[in-house]
Protein backbone atom coordinates (compact mmCIF):
# COMPACT_ATOMS: atom_id res chain seq x y z
CA MET A 1 68.39 21.93 90.14
CA THR A 2 64.82 21.92 91.28
CA SER A 3 62.87 19.31 89.35
CA ASP A 4 60.77 17.03 91.56
CA ALA A 5 59.47 14.92 88.70
CA VAL A 6 60.30 11.24 88.98
CA PRO A 7 60.75 9.61 85.55
CA ALA A 8 59.16 6.32 84.75
CA ALA A 9 61.51 3.39 85.21
CA ASP A 10 60.83 2.08 81.72
CA THR A 11 61.47 5.33 79.85
CA ALA A 12 63.28 4.39 76.66
CA ALA A 13 66.78 5.69 76.04
CA ALA A 14 68.22 6.46 72.61
CA PRO A 15 69.86 3.53 70.79
CA PRO A 16 73.57 2.77 71.09
CA ALA A 17 75.97 4.78 68.96
CA PRO A 18 76.57 3.40 65.44
CA GLY A 19 79.35 0.84 65.30
CA TRP A 20 79.10 -0.14 68.98
CA ALA A 21 77.78 -3.45 70.21
CA ASP A 22 77.73 -5.45 73.42
CA SER A 23 80.26 -7.81 71.83
CA ASP A 24 82.89 -5.13 72.34
CA LEU A 25 82.82 -6.12 76.01
CA GLU A 26 83.02 -9.90 75.71
CA ASP A 27 86.68 -10.06 76.76
CA GLY A 28 86.00 -7.89 79.79
CA THR A 29 87.65 -4.76 78.38
CA ILE A 30 85.99 -1.56 77.24
CA ASP A 31 87.07 0.09 74.01
CA LEU A 32 87.27 3.84 74.57
CA GLY A 33 88.21 4.72 71.00
CA ASP A 34 85.15 6.95 70.67
CA PHE A 35 85.73 8.76 73.99
CA HIS A 36 86.72 12.43 73.75
CA PRO A 37 87.50 14.19 77.04
CA VAL A 38 86.48 17.85 77.21
CA VAL A 39 88.08 20.06 79.85
CA PRO A 40 86.26 23.33 80.57
CA ALA A 41 88.98 25.63 81.92
CA GLY A 42 87.26 28.76 83.12
CA GLY A 43 86.02 30.58 86.18
CA ALA A 44 87.64 33.37 88.15
CA GLY A 45 88.34 31.45 91.36
CA THR A 46 87.58 34.57 93.40
CA ARG A 47 87.43 32.65 96.70
CA LEU A 48 91.14 31.88 96.23
CA TRP A 49 92.20 35.50 95.75
CA PRO A 50 94.94 36.78 95.87
CA LEU A 51 96.51 33.57 94.59
CA SER A 52 93.92 33.29 91.83
CA ARG A 53 93.70 36.31 89.50
CA LEU A 54 91.91 37.16 86.26
CA ASP A 55 95.03 36.37 84.24
CA ARG A 56 96.07 33.44 86.46
CA PRO A 57 92.95 31.60 87.64
CA LYS A 58 93.17 28.63 89.95
CA PHE A 59 93.30 25.97 87.22
CA LEU A 60 96.67 27.39 86.13
CA LEU A 61 98.10 27.12 89.67
CA ASP A 62 99.83 24.32 91.56
CA LEU A 63 97.62 24.26 94.65
CA THR A 64 98.71 20.87 95.97
CA GLY A 65 102.48 21.44 96.06
CA ARG A 66 103.11 18.49 93.74
CA GLY A 67 104.69 20.38 90.88
CA ARG A 68 101.67 20.16 88.56
CA THR A 69 98.91 22.72 88.15
CA LEU A 70 95.28 21.68 88.54
CA LEU A 71 94.94 21.76 84.74
CA GLN A 72 97.99 19.55 84.28
CA ALA A 73 96.74 17.14 86.96
CA THR A 74 93.43 16.90 85.09
CA TRP A 75 95.35 16.11 81.91
CA ASP A 76 97.38 13.44 83.72
CA ARG A 77 94.18 11.88 85.05
CA LEU A 78 92.54 11.68 81.62
CA GLU A 79 95.61 10.58 79.66
CA PRO A 80 95.16 6.82 80.28
CA LEU A 81 91.58 7.04 78.99
CA SER A 82 92.16 8.83 75.70
CA THR A 83 94.75 10.52 73.49
CA ALA A 84 95.95 14.08 73.03
CA GLU A 85 94.30 14.12 69.61
CA ARG A 86 90.91 13.26 71.14
CA THR A 87 91.12 15.72 74.05
CA LEU A 88 89.71 19.26 73.92
CA VAL A 89 90.15 22.18 76.32
CA VAL A 90 87.59 24.98 76.26
CA THR A 91 88.93 28.19 77.77
CA GLY A 92 88.81 31.96 77.46
CA ARG A 93 90.90 33.77 74.90
CA ARG A 94 92.99 35.43 77.60
CA HIS A 95 94.02 31.99 78.94
CA ALA A 96 94.49 30.09 75.66
CA GLY A 97 98.21 30.82 75.50
CA ALA A 98 98.81 29.67 79.08
CA VAL A 99 96.78 26.50 78.48
CA ALA A 100 98.86 25.70 75.39
CA ALA A 101 102.08 26.34 77.30
CA GLN A 102 101.07 24.06 80.18
CA LEU A 103 99.83 21.28 77.85
CA PRO A 104 102.41 21.14 75.04
CA GLU A 105 101.10 17.73 73.89
CA LEU A 106 97.63 19.16 73.15
CA PRO A 107 97.13 19.95 69.43
CA ALA A 108 96.58 23.66 68.82
CA GLU A 109 93.26 22.99 67.08
CA ASN A 110 91.99 21.28 70.24
CA VAL A 111 92.13 24.49 72.30
CA LEU A 112 88.69 26.05 71.84
CA ALA A 113 88.99 29.69 72.88
CA GLU A 114 85.79 31.47 73.87
CA PRO A 115 85.62 35.24 73.26
CA SER A 116 83.81 35.70 76.60
CA PRO A 117 82.34 33.46 79.34
CA ARG A 118 78.83 32.17 78.55
CA ASP A 119 78.63 29.51 81.32
CA SER A 120 79.04 25.75 81.12
CA ALA A 121 76.28 24.87 78.64
CA ALA A 122 77.90 27.04 75.96
CA ALA A 123 81.39 25.70 76.69
CA ILE A 124 80.42 22.03 76.69
CA GLY A 125 77.90 22.51 73.88
CA LEU A 126 80.57 24.17 71.71
CA ALA A 127 82.87 21.20 72.24
CA ALA A 128 80.06 18.79 71.34
CA ALA A 129 79.13 20.74 68.21
CA VAL A 130 82.74 20.92 67.01
CA LEU A 131 83.40 17.27 67.82
CA VAL A 132 80.31 15.92 66.09
CA ARG A 133 81.67 17.44 62.87
CA ARG A 134 85.12 15.93 63.39
CA ALA A 135 83.98 12.56 64.79
CA PRO A 136 80.23 11.92 64.36
CA ASP A 137 80.17 8.99 66.82
CA ALA A 138 82.01 10.86 69.58
CA VAL A 139 81.17 10.29 73.23
CA ILE A 140 82.28 13.35 75.16
CA GLY A 141 83.13 13.59 78.84
CA SER A 142 83.30 16.96 80.59
CA PHE A 143 85.77 17.22 83.49
CA ALA A 144 86.53 20.57 85.10
CA ALA A 145 90.14 21.75 85.00
CA ASP A 146 90.20 22.90 88.63
CA HIS A 147 89.15 19.86 90.67
CA VAL A 148 91.34 17.53 92.71
CA ILE A 149 90.68 13.78 92.50
CA SER A 150 92.34 10.90 94.33
CA GLY A 151 91.98 7.21 93.54
CA ARG A 152 92.98 6.92 89.89
CA ASP A 153 91.79 3.32 89.38
CA ASP A 154 88.35 4.14 90.76
CA PHE A 155 88.16 7.27 88.62
CA GLU A 156 89.02 5.36 85.45
CA SER A 157 86.48 2.63 86.25
CA SER A 158 83.75 5.22 86.80
CA VAL A 159 84.51 6.94 83.50
CA GLU A 160 84.49 3.63 81.64
CA GLU A 161 81.06 2.79 83.07
CA ALA A 162 79.84 6.27 82.17
CA VAL A 163 80.99 5.85 78.55
CA VAL A 164 79.22 2.48 78.24
CA THR A 165 76.04 4.02 79.66
CA ALA A 166 76.30 7.12 77.44
CA ARG A 167 76.46 4.93 74.34
CA ARG A 168 72.92 3.84 75.23
CA GLY A 169 71.75 7.42 74.79
CA PHE A 170 71.86 8.58 78.39
CA VAL A 171 73.42 11.74 79.69
CA VAL A 172 75.57 10.37 82.49
CA THR A 173 76.83 12.13 85.58
CA ILE A 174 79.37 10.74 88.03
CA GLY A 175 78.03 10.98 91.56
CA ILE A 176 80.48 11.73 94.35
CA ALA A 177 80.02 9.87 97.66
CA PRO A 178 79.34 12.63 100.23
CA SER A 179 81.77 12.71 103.14
CA HIS A 180 79.70 15.18 105.15
CA PRO A 181 76.37 17.07 104.87
CA ALA A 182 77.76 19.82 102.64
CA THR A 183 75.57 22.81 101.87
CA GLY A 184 77.77 24.11 99.06
CA PHE A 185 77.10 21.32 96.54
CA GLY A 186 74.08 20.17 94.57
CA TYR A 187 72.86 16.61 95.13
CA ILE A 188 71.75 13.72 92.91
CA ARG A 189 69.00 11.35 93.99
CA LEU A 190 69.72 7.79 92.87
CA GLY A 191 67.15 5.62 91.13
CA LYS A 192 67.10 1.96 90.11
CA ARG A 193 70.07 0.16 88.60
CA LEU A 194 70.13 0.02 84.80
CA ARG A 195 71.83 -3.40 84.74
CA LEU A 196 73.92 -2.64 81.67
CA GLN A 197 76.70 -4.93 80.54
CA GLY A 198 79.96 -3.15 81.24
CA ALA A 199 78.31 -0.66 83.62
CA PRO A 200 77.12 -2.66 86.63
CA ASN A 201 76.84 0.36 88.92
CA ALA A 202 74.96 2.71 86.59
CA ARG A 203 71.59 3.90 87.89
CA ARG A 204 68.87 6.25 86.79
CA VAL A 205 68.81 9.76 88.18
CA LEU A 206 65.50 10.48 89.87
CA GLN A 207 66.14 14.11 90.74
CA PHE A 208 68.73 16.83 90.90
CA LYS A 209 68.58 18.87 94.08
CA GLU A 210 69.82 22.41 94.60
CA LYS A 211 72.30 23.23 97.36
CA PRO A 212 70.40 22.34 100.56
CA ASP A 213 70.43 23.77 104.05
CA ALA A 214 72.28 21.81 106.75
CA ARG A 215 69.23 19.91 108.01
CA THR A 216 68.20 18.84 104.52
CA ALA A 217 71.76 17.78 103.66
CA SER A 218 71.88 15.61 106.80
CA ALA A 219 68.58 14.03 105.81
CA TYR A 220 69.96 13.24 102.36
CA LEU A 221 72.98 11.48 103.84
CA SER A 222 70.87 9.43 106.25
CA THR A 223 69.03 7.77 103.34
CA GLY A 224 72.13 6.67 101.44
CA ASP A 225 70.30 7.55 98.21
CA TYR A 226 72.11 10.79 97.37
CA ARG A 227 75.43 11.76 95.84
CA TRP A 228 77.13 15.10 95.37
CA ASN A 229 76.88 16.56 91.90
CA GLY A 230 80.52 17.10 90.92
CA GLY A 231 79.66 18.53 87.50
CA MET A 232 81.11 15.61 85.50
CA PHE A 233 78.97 14.70 82.51
CA VAL A 234 79.41 12.05 79.80
CA ALA A 235 77.18 11.82 76.73
CA ARG A 236 77.17 11.14 73.03
CA ALA A 237 77.82 14.44 71.31
CA ASP A 238 74.77 14.05 69.09
CA VAL A 239 72.54 13.28 72.10
CA LEU A 240 73.77 16.36 73.94
CA LEU A 241 73.05 18.54 70.91
CA GLU A 242 69.61 16.97 70.51
CA LEU A 243 68.77 17.82 74.12
CA LEU A 244 70.08 21.36 73.70
CA LYS A 245 67.87 21.77 70.64
CA GLN A 246 64.88 20.57 72.65
CA HIS A 247 65.46 22.51 75.86
CA ALA A 248 67.67 25.48 74.89
CA PRO A 249 67.00 26.08 71.17
CA GLN A 250 68.53 29.56 71.01
CA LEU A 251 71.79 28.27 72.47
CA HIS A 252 71.71 25.21 70.21
CA ASP A 253 71.21 27.22 67.03
CA GLY A 254 73.95 29.69 67.91
CA LEU A 255 76.43 26.93 68.72
CA GLN A 256 75.65 25.14 65.48
CA ALA A 257 76.39 28.29 63.52
CA VAL A 258 79.66 28.78 65.37
CA ALA A 259 80.67 25.13 64.95
CA ASP A 260 79.93 25.25 61.20
CA ALA A 261 82.57 27.97 60.92
CA TRP A 262 84.99 26.72 63.56
CA ASP A 263 87.50 24.92 61.34
CA THR A 264 87.20 27.48 58.54
CA PRO A 265 88.55 31.01 57.90
CA ARG A 266 85.10 32.36 58.91
CA ARG A 267 85.51 31.45 62.58
CA ASP A 268 86.39 34.89 63.98
CA ALA A 269 83.68 36.67 62.01
CA VAL A 270 80.96 34.23 63.09
CA LEU A 271 82.16 34.29 66.70
CA ALA A 272 81.99 38.08 66.70
CA GLU A 273 78.47 37.95 65.31
CA ARG A 274 76.95 35.09 67.30
CA TRP A 275 78.84 34.41 70.55
CA GLY A 276 77.59 37.43 72.45
CA THR A 277 73.99 36.52 71.61
CA LEU A 278 74.19 33.09 73.28
CA PRO A 279 72.23 32.73 76.53
CA ALA A 280 74.43 32.07 79.56
CA LEU A 281 73.14 28.79 81.01
CA ALA A 282 74.59 26.13 83.28
CA ILE A 283 74.66 22.65 81.74
CA ASP A 284 72.65 21.39 84.73
CA HIS A 285 69.73 23.72 83.98
CA ALA A 286 69.97 23.58 80.18
CA VAL A 287 70.27 19.80 79.80
CA ALA A 288 70.59 17.65 82.93
CA GLU A 289 67.46 18.67 84.83
CA PRO A 290 64.95 18.54 81.94
CA ALA A 291 66.53 15.35 80.60
CA ALA A 292 66.27 13.73 84.05
CA ALA A 293 62.55 14.47 84.06
CA GLN A 294 62.37 12.47 80.81
CA GLY A 295 64.29 9.52 82.30
CA ARG A 296 67.33 10.19 80.10
CA VAL A 297 69.94 10.86 82.79
CA ALA A 298 71.97 8.18 84.54
CA VAL A 299 74.52 8.30 87.33
CA VAL A 300 77.57 6.20 88.08
CA PRO A 301 78.11 6.36 91.87
CA ALA A 302 81.83 6.90 92.39
CA THR A 303 84.18 5.88 95.17
CA PHE A 304 87.16 8.12 94.39
CA GLY A 305 88.04 11.20 96.43
CA TRP A 306 86.96 14.55 95.02
CA ASP A 307 87.36 18.21 95.97
CA ASP A 308 86.47 21.31 93.99
CA VAL A 309 89.05 23.38 95.93
CA GLY A 310 86.33 25.96 96.46
CA ASP A 311 88.07 28.05 99.14
CA TYR A 312 91.11 28.21 101.40
CA SER A 313 89.51 25.96 104.00
CA SER A 314 89.12 23.12 101.51
CA LEU A 315 92.60 23.85 100.13
CA ALA A 316 94.05 23.40 103.62
CA GLU A 317 92.58 19.89 103.79
CA LEU A 318 94.56 18.90 100.68
CA LEU A 319 97.92 19.79 102.24
CA PRO A 320 99.95 17.69 104.71
CA ALA A 321 99.20 18.30 108.37
CA ASP A 322 102.01 19.24 110.77
CA SER A 323 101.15 18.43 114.41
CA GLY A 324 98.40 21.02 114.73
CA ARG A 325 100.47 23.85 113.22
CA PRO A 326 99.20 25.73 110.16
CA ARG A 327 99.45 23.90 106.88
CA VAL A 328 101.76 25.56 104.39
CA LEU A 329 101.52 25.87 100.61
CA GLY A 330 104.99 26.86 99.51
CA ASP A 331 108.33 27.16 101.32
CA ALA A 332 107.76 26.14 104.95
CA ASP A 333 111.10 27.73 105.93
CA LEU A 334 109.47 31.14 105.34
CA VAL A 335 106.78 30.51 107.98
CA LEU A 336 107.34 31.26 111.68
CA THR A 337 104.58 30.51 114.18
CA GLU A 338 104.11 30.56 117.94
CA GLY A 339 100.99 29.49 119.79
CA VAL A 340 99.12 28.79 116.55
CA ALA A 341 96.87 25.80 115.87
CA GLY A 342 95.41 24.85 112.52
CA GLY A 343 94.94 27.25 109.66
CA LEU A 344 96.85 27.83 106.43
CA VAL A 345 99.80 30.01 105.45
CA VAL A 346 100.81 30.69 101.85
CA PRO A 347 104.19 32.51 101.72
CA ALA A 348 104.06 33.40 98.03
CA SER A 349 105.95 36.69 98.24
CA GLY A 350 109.34 35.26 99.14
CA ARG A 351 109.45 37.02 102.52
CA VAL A 352 108.99 35.59 106.01
CA VAL A 353 105.42 35.27 107.32
CA ALA A 354 105.15 35.23 111.12
CA VAL A 355 101.92 34.34 112.98
CA LEU A 356 101.47 34.60 116.76
CA GLY A 357 98.58 33.33 118.84
CA LEU A 358 95.93 32.98 116.12
CA ASP A 359 94.12 29.68 115.58
CA ASP A 360 92.65 28.56 112.26
CA VAL A 361 93.87 31.72 110.55
CA VAL A 362 94.47 31.93 106.79
CA VAL A 363 97.36 34.14 105.65
CA VAL A 364 98.08 34.49 101.95
CA ASP A 365 101.06 36.71 101.20
CA THR A 366 101.77 37.60 97.56
CA PRO A 367 104.08 40.29 96.15
CA ASP A 368 101.26 42.82 95.66
CA ALA A 369 98.53 41.76 98.10
CA LEU A 370 98.24 40.33 101.61
CA MET A 371 95.00 38.60 102.62
CA VAL A 372 94.16 37.52 106.18
CA THR A 373 90.98 35.73 107.27
CA THR A 374 89.88 32.64 109.19
CA ARG A 375 88.99 29.22 107.85
CA ALA A 376 85.44 29.76 109.09
CA ARG A 377 85.02 32.77 106.79
CA ALA A 378 87.05 31.48 103.85
CA GLN A 379 83.92 31.32 101.67
CA GLU A 380 83.63 35.11 101.94
CA VAL A 381 86.95 35.97 100.30
CA ARG A 382 85.11 36.78 97.08
CA LYS A 383 83.68 39.81 98.90
CA LEU A 384 87.20 41.24 99.03
CA VAL A 385 87.41 40.88 95.27
CA GLU A 386 84.18 42.85 94.99
CA ARG A 387 85.62 45.55 97.26
CA ALA A 388 88.78 45.76 95.16
CA ARG A 389 86.66 46.12 92.04
CA GLU A 390 84.55 48.85 93.65
CA ALA A 391 87.76 50.65 94.64
CA GLU A 392 88.97 50.31 91.03
CA ARG A 393 92.04 48.38 92.19
CA LEU A 394 92.15 46.43 88.96
CA ASP A 395 95.90 46.03 89.42
CA VAL A 396 95.32 43.38 92.10
CA LEU A 397 92.51 41.53 90.32
């Protein structure tokens, strides 16, 4: 996200979606009947190996110890805002069965299975292209399956404001209030308020910024004008497709061909012919950045808690603390420690894990792999996955 262009404040947005009017908001409520949540459920989660595997990525795991996987928690979060019939999950073919099993309420036709990963623009664009054929006035909202969010009321309010803003033709992102000068997230620079009825907090996006170094991140926070980019986007399906056609025409044309065949017997043949030809692009680069330069992206600054559970260090922060001892994901009776402060232990093999005299250590014990590192180097766990692949140990991937 590198654009430095600042859009003009009076850049015109597309008109509201057909059938929607400001009068819908006169009683203070927002009708979300046109809102269709889209849940991209992909990614390898390599920084959470050996818990996360190719056949069991992190969105299929209960990483908070609450009895619900990250995918199911995402479903629970979106349920008050929509219906099962209006919700889509985009996932890989190898995970479609597990997704259906974890979300029995989700109609089978609403699981969009990709033959292979083509990045977020293809996943979200496919959902938009399929939805615009099923519901031409659809407003879609993309929410990753593997994030953890706290503050349900604040989340719902932010989504409602994003839907209202999206009806005006904007692509809308939800900006996360930064808790520290993180270098692992992209940032959003806030512009002027849009002053829309029903979306009092919505503002223009001036710029998207790539992941900064520590000094730059601290400078961002000192201004109060930046939010983390949590990858949540809300837009009218037809607007998203229009922007894809403008900025990523090859991807747009391929997705349109696939969507034309999606609900027909020709789906598999067209997927086999076209899917592998689609360019792999992130939605930020394919749509958000160029649209922001045109003044067509808005942000709703959020107040809810958010974590992308990017590594074992961030996972540890989600678990209850125990007087300086390591945090435990799983059966705490299987963990024995002495002279240990901080850290994380995951006793997933069923055997006892004993730790002596090591601070801020991460121990993940599974039936076929044991991984030991420190919280400081938790981001580097993906390197172990690379080593396993180089050693052709596909059995542990």
